[in-house]
């Protein structure tokens, strides 16, 4: 197994054996990510259904365990499960052995972190953000509408990528600010 490293994303620190497109840090981890045993993810996970969406060939479910306070399973059909234990600050990753590709790092840095932030009450946007002239510009919109393309073009013109796909908004100052996240489009 790969040695764990710590990555900072949107004000959270994940200690994980999976390489993330984020800044490494020596700060104490908020969550420890562990690699679990592979398992089938072809049907909705057990527990109380909290959220679901179906887009094209992608099915997603988020369930809560009624017997374990603050425990979630995030499942992408035929791809992966993320079992989140908030009490222990742990995330167990269970890949589906039939999945043709490994999306662990992408989903961990994006969807999983967005859910962790929401669970902690931090506002997040499905957006990209770039740094421009000392400020930040968020590019917001639904999937497939050009957020990443627009951000890449802004970076080509001299902007610096702050975050791709998830933007945490911090509003404890006079102007809202965004936190650095995944820095690869």
N, C-alpha and C. Protein backbone atom coordinates (compact mmCIF):
# COMPACT_ATOMS: atom_id res chain seq x y z
N UNK A 1 0.84 -1.19 0.00
CA UNK A 1 0.00 0.00 0.00
C UNK A 1 0.88 1.25 0.00
N UNK A 2 0.40 2.27 -0.64
CA UNK A 2 1.12 3.54 -0.73
C UNK A 2 1.09 4.26 0.62
N UNK A 3 2.18 4.94 0.94
CA UNK A 3 2.24 5.71 2.17
C UNK A 3 1.29 6.90 2.08
N UNK A 4 0.62 7.20 3.19
CA UNK A 4 -0.32 8.32 3.22
C UNK A 4 0.40 9.65 3.25
N UNK A 5 -0.22 10.63 2.59
CA UNK A 5 0.26 12.01 2.61
C UNK A 5 -0.94 12.89 2.93
N UNK A 6 -0.66 14.12 3.33
CA UNK A 6 -1.71 15.05 3.70
C UNK A 6 -1.87 16.13 2.62
N UNK A 7 -3.13 16.36 2.26
CA UNK A 7 -3.46 17.34 1.23
C UNK A 7 -4.49 18.32 1.77
N UNK A 8 -4.31 19.60 1.45
CA UNK A 8 -5.23 20.66 1.87
C UNK A 8 -6.17 20.99 0.71
N UNK A 9 -7.47 20.91 0.99
CA UNK A 9 -8.51 21.22 0.01
C UNK A 9 -9.63 22.00 0.69
N UNK A 10 -9.84 23.22 0.26
CA UNK A 10 -10.98 24.02 0.75
C UNK A 10 -11.00 24.18 2.26
N UNK A 11 -9.83 24.24 2.88
CA UNK A 11 -9.77 24.41 4.32
C UNK A 11 -9.83 23.10 5.09
N UNK A 12 -9.94 21.97 4.40
CA UNK A 12 -9.90 20.65 5.04
C UNK A 12 -8.57 19.99 4.72
N UNK A 13 -8.10 19.14 5.63
CA UNK A 13 -6.89 18.37 5.39
C UNK A 13 -7.27 16.89 5.39
N UNK A 14 -6.93 16.21 4.29
CA UNK A 14 -7.15 14.77 4.17
C UNK A 14 -5.82 14.05 4.21
N UNK A 15 -5.71 13.05 5.07
CA UNK A 15 -4.55 12.18 5.07
C UNK A 15 -4.94 10.93 4.31
N UNK A 16 -4.27 10.70 3.18
CA UNK A 16 -4.74 9.67 2.25
C UNK A 16 -3.59 8.99 1.52
N UNK A 17 -3.76 7.70 1.19
CA UNK A 17 -2.77 7.02 0.36
C UNK A 17 -2.97 7.33 -1.13
N UNK A 18 -4.06 8.03 -1.47
CA UNK A 18 -4.36 8.37 -2.85
C UNK A 18 -3.80 9.75 -3.17
N UNK A 19 -3.14 9.88 -4.29
CA UNK A 19 -2.57 11.16 -4.73
C UNK A 19 -3.70 12.09 -5.14
N UNK A 20 -3.73 13.29 -4.57
CA UNK A 20 -4.74 14.28 -4.92
C UNK A 20 -4.09 15.47 -5.60
N UNK A 21 -4.81 16.11 -6.50
CA UNK A 21 -4.32 17.32 -7.16
C UNK A 21 -4.60 18.50 -6.24
N UNK A 22 -3.78 18.61 -5.20
CA UNK A 22 -3.93 19.66 -4.19
C UNK A 22 -2.59 19.87 -3.52
N UNK A 23 -2.51 20.92 -2.74
CA UNK A 23 -1.27 21.23 -2.03
C UNK A 23 -1.05 20.27 -0.88
N UNK A 24 0.18 19.78 -0.75
CA UNK A 24 0.52 18.96 0.42
C UNK A 24 0.75 19.86 1.62
N UNK A 25 0.49 19.33 2.81
CA UNK A 25 0.61 20.10 4.03
C UNK A 25 1.10 19.22 5.17
N UNK A 26 1.61 19.86 6.22
CA UNK A 26 2.00 19.15 7.44
C UNK A 26 0.94 19.32 8.53
N UNK A 27 -0.15 20.02 8.23
CA UNK A 27 -1.20 20.27 9.21
C UNK A 27 -1.88 18.98 9.63
N UNK A 28 -2.48 19.01 10.82
CA UNK A 28 -3.21 17.85 11.33
C UNK A 28 -4.39 17.53 10.42
N UNK A 29 -4.64 16.25 10.18
CA UNK A 29 -5.74 15.90 9.26
C UNK A 29 -7.11 16.07 9.90
N UNK A 30 -8.08 16.49 9.08
CA UNK A 30 -9.48 16.51 9.49
C UNK A 30 -10.11 15.14 9.29
N UNK A 31 -9.66 14.43 8.24
CA UNK A 31 -10.16 13.09 7.94
C UNK A 31 -9.01 12.21 7.49
N UNK A 32 -9.06 10.95 7.90
CA UNK A 32 -8.12 9.94 7.45
C UNK A 32 -8.83 9.09 6.41
N UNK A 33 -8.21 8.92 5.25
CA UNK A 33 -8.78 8.12 4.17
C UNK A 33 -8.05 6.79 4.14
N UNK A 34 -8.82 5.70 4.16
CA UNK A 34 -8.25 4.35 4.17
C UNK A 34 -8.78 3.55 2.99
N UNK A 35 -7.97 2.65 2.48
CA UNK A 35 -8.40 1.80 1.38
C UNK A 35 -9.03 0.54 1.95
N UNK A 36 -10.30 0.32 1.65
CA UNK A 36 -11.02 -0.85 2.12
C UNK A 36 -11.01 -1.96 1.09
N UNK A 37 -11.68 -3.03 1.41
CA UNK A 37 -11.76 -4.17 0.50
C UNK A 37 -12.70 -3.83 -0.66
N UNK A 38 -12.39 -4.31 -1.85
CA UNK A 38 -13.29 -4.08 -2.99
C UNK A 38 -14.66 -4.68 -2.72
N UNK A 39 -15.70 -4.04 -3.27
CA UNK A 39 -17.05 -4.60 -3.12
C UNK A 39 -17.94 -4.12 -4.26
N UNK A 40 -18.98 -4.89 -4.50
CA UNK A 40 -19.93 -4.56 -5.56
C UNK A 40 -20.69 -3.29 -5.19
N UNK A 41 -20.86 -2.41 -6.16
CA UNK A 41 -21.58 -1.16 -5.94
C UNK A 41 -22.72 -1.03 -6.96
N UNK A 42 -23.30 -2.15 -7.36
CA UNK A 42 -24.30 -2.15 -8.42
C UNK A 42 -25.71 -1.80 -8.02
N UNK A 43 -25.98 -1.67 -6.73
CA UNK A 43 -27.33 -1.35 -6.25
C UNK A 43 -27.23 -0.28 -5.17
N UNK A 44 -28.35 0.36 -4.83
CA UNK A 44 -28.30 1.36 -3.77
C UNK A 44 -27.73 0.76 -2.48
N UNK A 45 -26.94 1.54 -1.73
CA UNK A 45 -26.36 1.02 -0.49
C UNK A 45 -27.40 0.93 0.62
N UNK A 46 -27.10 0.17 1.66
CA UNK A 46 -28.04 0.07 2.78
C UNK A 46 -28.13 1.40 3.53
N UNK A 47 -29.20 1.58 4.25
CA UNK A 47 -29.37 2.77 5.07
C UNK A 47 -30.51 3.64 4.58
N UNK A 48 -30.69 4.74 5.24
CA UNK A 48 -31.74 5.69 4.92
C UNK A 48 -31.28 6.59 3.76
N UNK A 49 -32.05 6.62 2.70
CA UNK A 49 -31.70 7.42 1.53
C UNK A 49 -31.76 8.91 1.88
N UNK A 50 -30.62 9.60 1.69
CA UNK A 50 -30.53 11.03 1.97
C UNK A 50 -30.53 11.84 0.67
N UNK A 51 -29.94 11.29 -0.39
CA UNK A 51 -29.89 11.98 -1.67
C UNK A 51 -29.61 10.97 -2.77
N UNK A 52 -30.05 11.30 -3.99
CA UNK A 52 -29.71 10.48 -5.15
C UNK A 52 -29.83 11.33 -6.40
N UNK A 53 -29.04 10.97 -7.41
CA UNK A 53 -29.21 11.57 -8.73
C UNK A 53 -28.81 10.56 -9.78
N UNK A 54 -29.39 10.77 -10.95
CA UNK A 54 -29.14 9.89 -12.08
C UNK A 54 -28.95 10.80 -13.29
N UNK A 55 -27.74 10.78 -13.84
CA UNK A 55 -27.43 11.59 -15.02
C UNK A 55 -26.78 10.66 -16.04
N UNK A 56 -27.46 10.46 -17.16
CA UNK A 56 -26.94 9.55 -18.18
C UNK A 56 -26.72 8.17 -17.58
N UNK A 57 -25.49 7.67 -17.70
CA UNK A 57 -25.16 6.34 -17.17
C UNK A 57 -24.68 6.39 -15.72
N UNK A 58 -24.69 7.57 -15.10
CA UNK A 58 -24.19 7.71 -13.73
C UNK A 58 -25.34 7.70 -12.73
N UNK A 59 -25.26 6.77 -11.78
CA UNK A 59 -26.21 6.71 -10.67
C UNK A 59 -25.44 6.95 -9.39
N UNK A 60 -25.98 7.81 -8.52
CA UNK A 60 -25.34 8.17 -7.26
C UNK A 60 -26.37 8.09 -6.14
N UNK A 61 -25.93 7.53 -5.01
CA UNK A 61 -26.78 7.51 -3.82
C UNK A 61 -25.96 7.94 -2.62
N UNK A 62 -26.62 8.64 -1.71
CA UNK A 62 -26.04 8.98 -0.41
C UNK A 62 -27.01 8.47 0.63
N UNK A 63 -26.52 7.58 1.49
CA UNK A 63 -27.37 7.02 2.53
C UNK A 63 -26.73 7.26 3.90
N UNK A 64 -27.59 7.27 4.92
CA UNK A 64 -27.14 7.39 6.30
C UNK A 64 -27.43 6.11 7.03
N UNK A 65 -26.58 5.77 7.97
CA UNK A 65 -26.76 4.56 8.76
C UNK A 65 -27.58 4.92 10.01
N UNK A 66 -28.82 4.39 10.12
CA UNK A 66 -29.65 4.75 11.27
C UNK A 66 -29.09 4.24 12.60
N UNK A 67 -28.17 3.26 12.55
CA UNK A 67 -27.60 2.71 13.78
C UNK A 67 -26.28 3.37 14.17
N UNK A 68 -25.71 4.16 13.30
CA UNK A 68 -24.43 4.83 13.58
C UNK A 68 -24.61 6.32 13.35
N UNK A 69 -24.53 7.08 14.41
CA UNK A 69 -24.73 8.52 14.29
C UNK A 69 -23.67 9.12 13.38
N UNK A 70 -24.13 9.92 12.41
CA UNK A 70 -23.25 10.65 11.50
C UNK A 70 -22.34 9.72 10.69
N UNK A 71 -22.95 8.75 10.04
CA UNK A 71 -22.22 7.84 9.18
C UNK A 71 -22.94 7.79 7.83
N UNK A 72 -22.20 8.03 6.75
CA UNK A 72 -22.78 8.06 5.41
C UNK A 72 -22.08 7.06 4.50
N UNK A 73 -22.81 6.63 3.47
CA UNK A 73 -22.20 5.91 2.34
C UNK A 73 -22.53 6.70 1.09
N UNK A 74 -21.50 7.09 0.35
CA UNK A 74 -21.66 7.73 -0.95
C UNK A 74 -21.31 6.67 -1.99
N UNK A 75 -22.28 6.31 -2.82
CA UNK A 75 -22.05 5.25 -3.81
C UNK A 75 -22.28 5.75 -5.22
N UNK A 76 -21.28 5.46 -6.08
CA UNK A 76 -21.41 5.64 -7.52
C UNK A 76 -21.53 4.24 -8.11
N UNK A 77 -22.69 3.97 -8.73
CA UNK A 77 -22.98 2.62 -9.22
C UNK A 77 -21.85 2.07 -10.09
N UNK A 78 -21.44 0.84 -9.77
CA UNK A 78 -20.44 0.09 -10.51
C UNK A 78 -19.06 0.76 -10.53
N UNK A 79 -18.83 1.72 -9.62
CA UNK A 79 -17.54 2.41 -9.58
C UNK A 79 -16.91 2.36 -8.20
N UNK A 80 -17.59 2.92 -7.16
CA UNK A 80 -16.91 3.10 -5.87
C UNK A 80 -17.90 3.46 -4.76
N UNK A 81 -17.53 3.11 -3.55
CA UNK A 81 -18.20 3.55 -2.33
C UNK A 81 -17.22 4.34 -1.49
N UNK A 82 -17.73 5.39 -0.86
CA UNK A 82 -16.99 6.11 0.17
C UNK A 82 -17.82 6.00 1.44
N UNK A 83 -17.33 5.26 2.43
CA UNK A 83 -18.03 5.13 3.72
C UNK A 83 -17.42 6.15 4.66
N UNK A 84 -18.23 7.14 5.06
CA UNK A 84 -17.75 8.25 5.86
C UNK A 84 -18.24 8.10 7.29
N UNK A 85 -17.31 8.07 8.22
CA UNK A 85 -17.62 8.01 9.64
C UNK A 85 -17.19 9.33 10.26
N UNK A 86 -18.16 10.21 10.51
CA UNK A 86 -17.86 11.53 11.04
C UNK A 86 -17.34 11.46 12.48
N UNK A 87 -17.84 10.51 13.27
CA UNK A 87 -17.40 10.39 14.66
C UNK A 87 -15.92 10.03 14.75
N UNK A 88 -15.46 9.17 13.84
CA UNK A 88 -14.05 8.74 13.83
C UNK A 88 -13.20 9.55 12.87
N UNK A 89 -13.83 10.46 12.12
CA UNK A 89 -13.14 11.28 11.11
C UNK A 89 -12.38 10.39 10.12
N UNK A 90 -13.08 9.36 9.64
CA UNK A 90 -12.48 8.42 8.68
C UNK A 90 -13.35 8.25 7.45
N UNK A 91 -12.68 8.02 6.33
CA UNK A 91 -13.35 7.71 5.07
C UNK A 91 -12.74 6.41 4.56
N UNK A 92 -13.57 5.39 4.41
CA UNK A 92 -13.11 4.10 3.89
C UNK A 92 -13.53 4.03 2.42
N UNK A 93 -12.56 3.73 1.55
CA UNK A 93 -12.79 3.66 0.11
C UNK A 93 -12.92 2.20 -0.30
N UNK A 94 -14.04 1.87 -0.95
CA UNK A 94 -14.29 0.52 -1.45
C UNK A 94 -14.52 0.62 -2.96
N UNK A 95 -13.54 0.22 -3.75
CA UNK A 95 -13.70 0.26 -5.20
C UNK A 95 -14.46 -0.98 -5.67
N UNK A 96 -15.25 -0.78 -6.72
CA UNK A 96 -15.95 -1.91 -7.32
C UNK A 96 -14.94 -2.65 -8.19
N UNK A 97 -14.75 -3.96 -7.97
CA UNK A 97 -13.74 -4.70 -8.74
C UNK A 97 -14.03 -4.75 -10.24
N UNK A 98 -15.28 -4.46 -10.65
CA UNK A 98 -15.64 -4.49 -12.06
C UNK A 98 -15.44 -3.14 -12.74
N UNK A 99 -15.11 -2.11 -11.98
CA UNK A 99 -14.97 -0.77 -12.57
C UNK A 99 -13.78 -0.72 -13.51
N UNK A 100 -13.99 -0.24 -14.75
CA UNK A 100 -12.89 -0.22 -15.72
C UNK A 100 -11.86 0.88 -15.46
N UNK A 101 -12.25 1.92 -14.68
CA UNK A 101 -11.30 2.99 -14.41
C UNK A 101 -11.32 3.34 -12.93
N UNK A 102 -10.23 3.94 -12.46
CA UNK A 102 -10.13 4.35 -11.07
C UNK A 102 -10.38 5.85 -10.96
N UNK A 103 -11.50 6.20 -10.38
CA UNK A 103 -11.87 7.60 -10.20
C UNK A 103 -11.71 8.05 -8.75
N UNK A 104 -10.99 7.26 -7.94
CA UNK A 104 -10.89 7.55 -6.51
C UNK A 104 -10.42 8.97 -6.24
N UNK A 105 -9.29 9.37 -6.80
CA UNK A 105 -8.73 10.69 -6.50
C UNK A 105 -9.63 11.82 -6.97
N UNK A 106 -10.23 11.68 -8.15
CA UNK A 106 -11.10 12.72 -8.69
C UNK A 106 -12.34 12.90 -7.81
N UNK A 107 -13.01 11.79 -7.47
CA UNK A 107 -14.22 11.88 -6.66
C UNK A 107 -13.91 12.29 -5.22
N UNK A 108 -12.79 11.84 -4.68
CA UNK A 108 -12.41 12.21 -3.32
C UNK A 108 -12.18 13.72 -3.22
N UNK A 109 -11.43 14.28 -4.18
CA UNK A 109 -11.11 15.72 -4.15
C UNK A 109 -12.31 16.58 -4.54
N UNK A 110 -13.29 16.01 -5.22
CA UNK A 110 -14.44 16.79 -5.67
C UNK A 110 -15.68 16.51 -4.85
N UNK A 111 -16.43 15.50 -5.25
CA UNK A 111 -17.73 15.21 -4.65
C UNK A 111 -17.65 14.92 -3.16
N UNK A 112 -16.70 14.09 -2.73
CA UNK A 112 -16.62 13.74 -1.32
C UNK A 112 -16.31 14.97 -0.48
N UNK A 113 -15.33 15.76 -0.89
CA UNK A 113 -14.98 16.97 -0.13
C UNK A 113 -16.16 17.93 -0.11
N UNK A 114 -16.89 18.07 -1.21
CA UNK A 114 -18.07 18.95 -1.23
C UNK A 114 -19.10 18.50 -0.20
N UNK A 115 -19.33 17.19 -0.09
CA UNK A 115 -20.27 16.68 0.91
C UNK A 115 -19.76 16.88 2.33
N UNK A 116 -18.45 16.70 2.54
CA UNK A 116 -17.88 16.93 3.88
C UNK A 116 -18.06 18.40 4.28
N UNK A 117 -17.80 19.31 3.35
CA UNK A 117 -17.97 20.73 3.63
C UNK A 117 -19.43 21.06 3.95
N UNK A 118 -20.34 20.52 3.16
CA UNK A 118 -21.77 20.77 3.39
C UNK A 118 -22.19 20.23 4.76
N UNK A 119 -21.69 19.06 5.12
CA UNK A 119 -22.02 18.47 6.43
C UNK A 119 -21.54 19.34 7.58
N UNK A 120 -20.47 20.08 7.35
CA UNK A 120 -19.94 20.98 8.38
C UNK A 120 -20.53 22.39 8.28
N UNK A 121 -21.48 22.58 7.37
CA UNK A 121 -22.15 23.87 7.25
C UNK A 121 -21.41 24.92 6.45
N UNK A 122 -20.44 24.51 5.63
CA UNK A 122 -19.68 25.45 4.82
C UNK A 122 -20.32 25.59 3.44
N UNK A 123 -20.65 26.81 3.02
CA UNK A 123 -21.25 26.99 1.69
C UNK A 123 -20.27 26.60 0.58
N UNK A 124 -20.76 25.84 -0.38
CA UNK A 124 -19.94 25.45 -1.52
C UNK A 124 -20.74 25.67 -2.81
N UNK A 125 -20.00 25.87 -3.88
CA UNK A 125 -20.60 26.04 -5.20
C UNK A 125 -20.06 24.96 -6.13
N UNK A 126 -20.90 24.53 -7.07
CA UNK A 126 -20.40 23.70 -8.16
C UNK A 126 -19.85 24.68 -9.18
N UNK A 127 -18.55 24.95 -9.07
CA UNK A 127 -17.94 26.03 -9.84
C UNK A 127 -16.44 25.82 -9.93
N UNK A 128 -15.82 26.65 -10.76
CA UNK A 128 -14.37 26.79 -10.81
C UNK A 128 -14.07 28.21 -10.32
N UNK A 129 -12.85 28.42 -9.86
CA UNK A 129 -12.44 29.77 -9.48
C UNK A 129 -11.02 30.01 -9.95
N UNK A 130 -10.78 31.24 -10.41
CA UNK A 130 -9.44 31.65 -10.82
C UNK A 130 -9.08 32.94 -10.08
N UNK A 131 -7.79 33.10 -9.85
CA UNK A 131 -7.28 34.33 -9.25
C UNK A 131 -6.93 35.28 -10.39
N UNK A 132 -7.41 36.51 -10.28
CA UNK A 132 -7.19 37.50 -11.32
C UNK A 132 -7.04 38.87 -10.67
N UNK A 133 -5.91 39.52 -10.91
CA UNK A 133 -5.67 40.89 -10.44
C UNK A 133 -5.93 41.05 -8.94
N UNK A 134 -5.48 40.08 -8.15
CA UNK A 134 -5.61 40.17 -6.70
C UNK A 134 -6.95 39.74 -6.15
N UNK A 135 -7.87 39.36 -7.00
CA UNK A 135 -9.19 38.89 -6.57
C UNK A 135 -9.47 37.53 -7.17
N UNK A 136 -10.66 37.05 -6.94
CA UNK A 136 -11.05 35.75 -7.50
C UNK A 136 -12.32 35.90 -8.31
N UNK A 137 -12.41 35.11 -9.37
CA UNK A 137 -13.60 35.07 -10.21
C UNK A 137 -14.09 33.63 -10.20
N UNK A 138 -15.38 33.44 -9.84
CA UNK A 138 -15.98 32.11 -9.86
C UNK A 138 -16.74 31.94 -11.17
N UNK A 139 -16.57 30.78 -11.79
CA UNK A 139 -17.30 30.42 -13.01
C UNK A 139 -18.28 29.34 -12.60
N UNK A 140 -19.57 29.69 -12.56
CA UNK A 140 -20.61 28.83 -12.00
C UNK A 140 -21.52 28.33 -13.12
N UNK A 141 -21.98 27.09 -13.00
CA UNK A 141 -22.94 26.57 -13.97
C UNK A 141 -23.09 25.07 -13.83
N UNK A 142 -24.11 24.51 -14.50
CA UNK A 142 -24.32 23.07 -14.46
C UNK A 142 -23.21 22.30 -15.18
N UNK A 143 -23.16 21.02 -14.95
CA UNK A 143 -22.17 20.16 -15.60
C UNK A 143 -22.26 20.27 -17.12
N UNK A 144 -21.09 20.28 -17.75
CA UNK A 144 -21.04 20.28 -19.20
C UNK A 144 -21.30 21.61 -19.87
N UNK A 145 -21.27 22.70 -19.12
CA UNK A 145 -21.58 24.01 -19.69
C UNK A 145 -20.36 24.89 -19.92
N UNK A 146 -19.15 24.36 -19.67
CA UNK A 146 -17.94 25.10 -20.02
C UNK A 146 -17.20 25.78 -18.89
N UNK A 147 -17.48 25.41 -17.65
CA UNK A 147 -16.76 26.02 -16.52
C UNK A 147 -15.26 25.78 -16.62
N UNK A 148 -14.87 24.55 -16.85
CA UNK A 148 -13.44 24.22 -16.94
C UNK A 148 -12.79 24.83 -18.16
N UNK A 149 -13.50 24.83 -19.28
CA UNK A 149 -12.97 25.44 -20.50
C UNK A 149 -12.75 26.94 -20.30
N UNK A 150 -13.74 27.61 -19.72
CA UNK A 150 -13.62 29.05 -19.46
C UNK A 150 -12.47 29.32 -18.51
N UNK A 151 -12.34 28.51 -17.46
CA UNK A 151 -11.25 28.69 -16.50
C UNK A 151 -9.89 28.47 -17.16
N UNK A 152 -9.80 27.46 -18.01
CA UNK A 152 -8.54 27.19 -18.71
C UNK A 152 -8.16 28.36 -19.63
N UNK A 153 -9.14 28.92 -20.29
CA UNK A 153 -8.88 30.08 -21.16
C UNK A 153 -8.45 31.30 -20.34
N UNK A 154 -9.06 31.49 -19.17
CA UNK A 154 -8.65 32.58 -18.29
C UNK A 154 -7.22 32.36 -17.79
N UNK A 155 -6.87 31.11 -17.47
CA UNK A 155 -5.50 30.80 -17.04
C UNK A 155 -4.51 31.05 -18.18
N UNK A 156 -4.91 30.71 -19.38
CA UNK A 156 -4.05 30.97 -20.54
C UNK A 156 -3.80 32.47 -20.72
N UNK A 157 -4.78 33.28 -20.30
CA UNK A 157 -4.66 34.74 -20.42
C UNK A 157 -3.95 35.36 -19.21
N UNK A 158 -3.51 34.52 -18.25
CA UNK A 158 -2.74 35.04 -17.12
C UNK A 158 -3.34 34.81 -15.75
N UNK A 159 -4.55 34.29 -15.67
CA UNK A 159 -5.15 33.99 -14.36
C UNK A 159 -4.48 32.75 -13.76
N UNK A 160 -4.72 32.50 -12.51
CA UNK A 160 -4.18 31.33 -11.81
C UNK A 160 -5.35 30.52 -11.24
N UNK A 161 -5.39 29.23 -11.51
CA UNK A 161 -6.48 28.38 -11.04
C UNK A 161 -6.46 28.28 -9.52
N UNK A 162 -7.61 28.55 -8.91
CA UNK A 162 -7.77 28.42 -7.46
C UNK A 162 -8.42 27.09 -7.13
N UNK A 163 -9.44 26.71 -7.90
CA UNK A 163 -10.14 25.46 -7.63
C UNK A 163 -10.93 25.01 -8.85
N UNK A 164 -10.99 23.71 -9.04
CA UNK A 164 -11.75 23.12 -10.14
C UNK A 164 -12.91 22.32 -9.59
N UNK A 165 -14.11 22.60 -10.04
CA UNK A 165 -15.33 21.84 -9.80
C UNK A 165 -16.03 22.14 -8.47
N UNK A 166 -15.28 22.45 -7.42
CA UNK A 166 -15.87 22.76 -6.12
C UNK A 166 -15.22 24.04 -5.61
N UNK A 167 -16.05 24.99 -5.17
CA UNK A 167 -15.54 26.22 -4.59
C UNK A 167 -16.21 26.43 -3.24
N UNK A 168 -15.39 26.46 -2.19
CA UNK A 168 -15.90 26.79 -0.86
C UNK A 168 -15.87 28.30 -0.69
N UNK A 169 -17.00 28.85 -0.28
CA UNK A 169 -17.11 30.29 -0.09
C UNK A 169 -17.02 30.60 1.40
N UNK A 170 -16.11 31.50 1.76
CA UNK A 170 -15.93 31.94 3.14
C UNK A 170 -16.38 33.40 3.20
N UNK A 171 -17.32 33.71 4.08
CA UNK A 171 -17.84 35.08 4.11
C UNK A 171 -17.69 35.73 5.48
N UNK A 172 -16.59 35.46 6.16
CA UNK A 172 -16.39 36.05 7.48
C UNK A 172 -15.68 37.40 7.40
N UNK A 173 -15.51 37.93 6.24
CA UNK A 173 -14.89 39.25 6.04
C UNK A 173 -15.84 40.11 5.23
N UNK A 174 -15.42 41.31 4.90
CA UNK A 174 -16.31 42.21 4.17
C UNK A 174 -16.64 41.69 2.77
N UNK A 175 -15.71 40.98 2.14
CA UNK A 175 -15.97 40.40 0.83
C UNK A 175 -15.88 38.88 0.91
N UNK A 176 -16.74 38.17 0.21
CA UNK A 176 -16.62 36.71 0.20
C UNK A 176 -15.28 36.30 -0.39
N UNK A 177 -14.74 35.20 0.11
CA UNK A 177 -13.49 34.64 -0.40
C UNK A 177 -13.69 33.17 -0.71
N UNK A 178 -12.82 32.64 -1.56
CA UNK A 178 -12.88 31.21 -1.84
C UNK A 178 -11.58 30.56 -1.40
N UNK A 179 -11.69 29.29 -1.02
CA UNK A 179 -10.53 28.53 -0.55
C UNK A 179 -9.90 27.75 -1.70
N UNK A 180 -8.61 27.54 -1.61
CA UNK A 180 -7.89 26.78 -2.63
C UNK A 180 -8.32 25.32 -2.58
N UNK A 181 -8.56 24.76 -3.76
CA UNK A 181 -8.97 23.37 -3.86
C UNK A 181 -8.08 22.64 -4.85
N UNK A 182 -8.68 21.76 -5.64
CA UNK A 182 -7.95 21.03 -6.66
C UNK A 182 -7.47 22.01 -7.72
N UNK A 183 -6.19 21.95 -8.04
CA UNK A 183 -5.61 22.95 -8.94
C UNK A 183 -5.23 22.40 -10.30
N UNK A 184 -5.92 21.33 -10.70
CA UNK A 184 -5.72 20.77 -12.04
C UNK A 184 -7.08 20.64 -12.69
N UNK A 185 -7.18 21.14 -13.91
CA UNK A 185 -8.44 21.03 -14.65
C UNK A 185 -8.43 19.72 -15.41
